[in-house]
Amino acid sequence: MELTIGDNISYLLKQKNLTLSQLAVLMEVPSELVGKWVSGKVLPHLYYLIKIADIFDIRLDELIRADMESEVVTTR
């Protein structure tokens, strides 16, 4: 199974014990949009990818990597 950016966002949410709604508030977007990112229905624009990486204190390339769960994620 190929993992997506949405899978990586979901993984990060679980690691930080955040909900979709909490991330949406931090991102200043509707929670429905975050849900679409996580489900893979919509890809976040680059601006939001950078913001997500900043919120979770990871590098952008770590966020867009195919399988974040199998890699050790290092903070910046």
N, C-alpha and C. Protein backbone atom coordinates (compact mmCIF):
# COMPACT_ATOMS: atom_id res chain seq x y z
N MET A 1 0.84 -1.18 0.00
CA MET A 1 0.00 0.00 0.00
C MET A 1 0.88 1.24 0.00
N GLU A 2 0.61 2.13 -0.91
CA GLU A 2 1.37 3.37 -0.99
C GLU A 2 0.77 4.40 -0.05
N LEU A 3 1.60 4.96 0.80
CA LEU A 3 1.12 5.98 1.73
C LEU A 3 1.12 7.33 1.07
N THR A 4 0.25 8.20 1.54
CA THR A 4 0.08 9.51 0.95
C THR A 4 0.42 10.60 1.96
N ILE A 5 0.41 11.83 1.49
CA ILE A 5 0.59 12.97 2.39
C ILE A 5 -0.50 12.94 3.46
N GLY A 6 -1.70 12.58 3.08
CA GLY A 6 -2.79 12.47 4.05
C GLY A 6 -2.49 11.47 5.15
N ASP A 7 -1.89 10.33 4.77
CA ASP A 7 -1.50 9.34 5.77
C ASP A 7 -0.46 9.92 6.72
N ASN A 8 0.45 10.70 6.17
CA ASN A 8 1.49 11.31 7.00
C ASN A 8 0.90 12.36 7.95
N ILE A 9 -0.07 13.14 7.47
CA ILE A 9 -0.73 14.11 8.34
C ILE A 9 -1.47 13.36 9.46
N SER A 10 -2.16 12.30 9.11
CA SER A 10 -2.87 11.49 10.10
C SER A 10 -1.90 10.95 11.14
N TYR A 11 -0.77 10.44 10.69
CA TYR A 11 0.26 9.93 11.60
C TYR A 11 0.74 11.02 12.55
N LEU A 12 0.99 12.21 12.03
CA LEU A 12 1.45 13.32 12.87
C LEU A 12 0.39 13.74 13.88
N LEU A 13 -0.86 13.75 13.46
CA LEU A 13 -1.95 14.09 14.38
C LEU A 13 -1.97 13.12 15.55
N LYS A 14 -1.82 11.83 15.26
CA LYS A 14 -1.82 10.82 16.32
C LYS A 14 -0.61 11.00 17.24
N GLN A 15 0.55 11.30 16.65
CA GLN A 15 1.76 11.47 17.45
C GLN A 15 1.64 12.64 18.42
N LYS A 16 0.95 13.69 18.01
CA LYS A 16 0.81 14.90 18.83
C LYS A 16 -0.53 14.96 19.57
N ASN A 17 -1.33 13.88 19.45
CA ASN A 17 -2.65 13.84 20.08
C ASN A 17 -3.50 15.05 19.71
N LEU A 18 -3.51 15.39 18.43
CA LEU A 18 -4.32 16.49 17.92
C LEU A 18 -5.48 15.93 17.10
N THR A 19 -6.57 16.65 17.06
CA THR A 19 -7.70 16.28 16.21
C THR A 19 -7.62 17.07 14.90
N LEU A 20 -8.44 16.67 13.95
CA LEU A 20 -8.54 17.42 12.70
C LEU A 20 -8.98 18.85 12.99
N SER A 21 -9.92 19.00 13.89
CA SER A 21 -10.43 20.33 14.23
C SER A 21 -9.35 21.21 14.85
N GLN A 22 -8.54 20.63 15.73
CA GLN A 22 -7.47 21.40 16.35
C GLN A 22 -6.44 21.85 15.32
N LEU A 23 -6.09 20.95 14.40
CA LEU A 23 -5.16 21.33 13.35
C LEU A 23 -5.77 22.42 12.47
N ALA A 24 -7.05 22.30 12.18
CA ALA A 24 -7.73 23.30 11.35
C ALA A 24 -7.66 24.68 12.00
N VAL A 25 -7.85 24.73 13.31
CA VAL A 25 -7.76 26.01 14.02
C VAL A 25 -6.34 26.57 13.89
N LEU A 26 -5.33 25.73 14.10
CA LEU A 26 -3.95 26.18 13.97
C LEU A 26 -3.62 26.65 12.55
N MET A 27 -4.25 26.00 11.57
CA MET A 27 -4.00 26.31 10.17
C MET A 27 -4.88 27.46 9.67
N GLU A 28 -5.91 27.79 10.44
CA GLU A 28 -6.88 28.81 10.06
C GLU A 28 -7.61 28.44 8.77
N VAL A 29 -8.06 27.17 8.73
CA VAL A 29 -8.84 26.65 7.60
C VAL A 29 -10.01 25.86 8.17
N PRO A 30 -11.03 25.60 7.36
CA PRO A 30 -12.14 24.77 7.84
C PRO A 30 -11.69 23.34 8.13
N SER A 31 -12.26 22.72 9.15
CA SER A 31 -11.88 21.35 9.49
C SER A 31 -12.21 20.39 8.35
N GLU A 32 -13.22 20.72 7.57
CA GLU A 32 -13.58 19.88 6.42
C GLU A 32 -12.42 19.79 5.42
N LEU A 33 -11.69 20.89 5.27
CA LEU A 33 -10.56 20.90 4.35
C LEU A 33 -9.44 20.00 4.87
N VAL A 34 -9.17 20.07 6.15
CA VAL A 34 -8.14 19.18 6.74
C VAL A 34 -8.58 17.73 6.56
N GLY A 35 -9.86 17.46 6.75
CA GLY A 35 -10.38 16.11 6.53
C GLY A 35 -10.16 15.62 5.11
N LYS A 36 -10.31 16.52 4.14
CA LYS A 36 -10.07 16.15 2.74
C LYS A 36 -8.60 15.88 2.49
N TRP A 37 -7.71 16.62 3.17
CA TRP A 37 -6.27 16.35 3.04
C TRP A 37 -5.94 14.97 3.57
N VAL A 38 -6.48 14.67 4.76
CA VAL A 38 -6.18 13.39 5.41
C VAL A 38 -6.75 12.22 4.60
N SER A 39 -7.92 12.40 4.04
CA SER A 39 -8.55 11.32 3.26
C SER A 39 -7.92 11.17 1.88
N GLY A 40 -7.13 12.15 1.47
CA GLY A 40 -6.51 12.08 0.15
C GLY A 40 -7.38 12.60 -0.97
N LYS A 41 -8.53 13.17 -0.63
CA LYS A 41 -9.42 13.72 -1.67
C LYS A 41 -8.84 14.98 -2.30
N VAL A 42 -8.07 15.72 -1.49
CA VAL A 42 -7.47 16.98 -1.95
C VAL A 42 -6.05 17.04 -1.42
N LEU A 43 -5.13 17.52 -2.24
CA LEU A 43 -3.76 17.74 -1.77
C LEU A 43 -3.62 19.18 -1.27
N PRO A 44 -2.95 19.36 -0.13
CA PRO A 44 -2.75 20.73 0.35
C PRO A 44 -1.84 21.51 -0.60
N HIS A 45 -2.12 22.79 -0.75
CA HIS A 45 -1.24 23.67 -1.51
C HIS A 45 0.10 23.78 -0.79
N LEU A 46 1.12 24.17 -1.50
CA LEU A 46 2.46 24.28 -0.93
C LEU A 46 2.47 25.15 0.32
N TYR A 47 1.74 26.26 0.30
CA TYR A 47 1.67 27.15 1.47
C TYR A 47 1.25 26.38 2.71
N TYR A 48 0.21 25.53 2.56
CA TYR A 48 -0.29 24.77 3.70
C TYR A 48 0.66 23.63 4.08
N LEU A 49 1.33 23.03 3.11
CA LEU A 49 2.32 22.00 3.44
C LEU A 49 3.43 22.58 4.31
N ILE A 50 3.88 23.77 3.97
CA ILE A 50 4.92 24.44 4.76
C ILE A 50 4.39 24.73 6.16
N LYS A 51 3.15 25.20 6.24
CA LYS A 51 2.56 25.51 7.54
C LYS A 51 2.41 24.25 8.40
N ILE A 52 1.99 23.14 7.79
CA ILE A 52 1.88 21.88 8.51
C ILE A 52 3.24 21.44 9.04
N ALA A 53 4.25 21.52 8.19
CA ALA A 53 5.61 21.16 8.62
C ALA A 53 6.06 22.03 9.78
N ASP A 54 5.75 23.30 9.73
CA ASP A 54 6.11 24.21 10.83
C ASP A 54 5.38 23.84 12.12
N ILE A 55 4.10 23.56 12.02
CA ILE A 55 3.30 23.21 13.20
C ILE A 55 3.84 21.96 13.88
N PHE A 56 4.23 20.97 13.08
CA PHE A 56 4.73 19.71 13.64
C PHE A 56 6.24 19.69 13.81
N ASP A 57 6.88 20.83 13.49
CA ASP A 57 8.32 20.99 13.67
C ASP A 57 9.12 19.90 12.95
N ILE A 58 8.75 19.69 11.68
CA ILE A 58 9.46 18.74 10.83
C ILE A 58 9.85 19.45 9.54
N ARG A 59 10.73 18.83 8.79
CA ARG A 59 11.11 19.38 7.48
C ARG A 59 10.01 19.05 6.46
N LEU A 60 9.87 19.90 5.48
CA LEU A 60 8.86 19.69 4.44
C LEU A 60 9.07 18.36 3.73
N ASP A 61 10.31 18.00 3.45
CA ASP A 61 10.56 16.74 2.74
C ASP A 61 10.13 15.55 3.57
N GLU A 62 10.15 15.66 4.90
CA GLU A 62 9.68 14.57 5.74
C GLU A 62 8.17 14.41 5.61
N LEU A 63 7.46 15.51 5.49
CA LEU A 63 6.01 15.47 5.36
C LEU A 63 5.58 14.82 4.06
N ILE A 64 6.28 15.11 2.99
CA ILE A 64 5.85 14.60 1.68
C ILE A 64 6.48 13.27 1.31
N ARG A 65 7.34 12.76 2.17
CA ARG A 65 7.95 11.44 1.93
C ARG A 65 6.85 10.39 1.84
N ALA A 66 7.10 9.35 1.08
CA ALA A 66 6.09 8.33 0.84
C ALA A 66 5.66 7.59 2.11
N ASP A 67 6.57 7.33 3.03
CA ASP A 67 6.22 6.54 4.21
C ASP A 67 6.88 7.09 5.46
N MET A 68 6.23 8.04 6.08
CA MET A 68 6.77 8.68 7.26
C MET A 68 6.87 7.71 8.43
N GLU A 69 5.94 6.78 8.55
CA GLU A 69 5.92 5.87 9.69
C GLU A 69 7.13 4.96 9.73
N SER A 70 7.71 4.64 8.58
CA SER A 70 8.85 3.72 8.58
C SER A 70 10.17 4.44 8.78
N GLU A 71 10.14 5.76 8.76
CA GLU A 71 11.35 6.57 8.94
C GLU A 71 11.35 7.20 10.31
N VAL A 72 12.51 7.45 10.84
CA VAL A 72 12.61 8.20 12.08
C VAL A 72 12.52 9.67 11.71
N VAL A 73 11.52 10.35 12.24
CA VAL A 73 11.32 11.76 11.92
C VAL A 73 12.11 12.59 12.92
N THR A 74 12.96 13.45 12.39
CA THR A 74 13.76 14.31 13.25
C THR A 74 13.21 15.71 13.21
N THR A 75 13.26 16.37 14.33
CA THR A 75 12.82 17.77 14.34
C THR A 75 13.93 18.64 13.83
N ARG A 76 13.55 19.83 13.40
CA ARG A 76 14.53 20.75 12.83
C ARG A 76 15.47 21.28 13.87
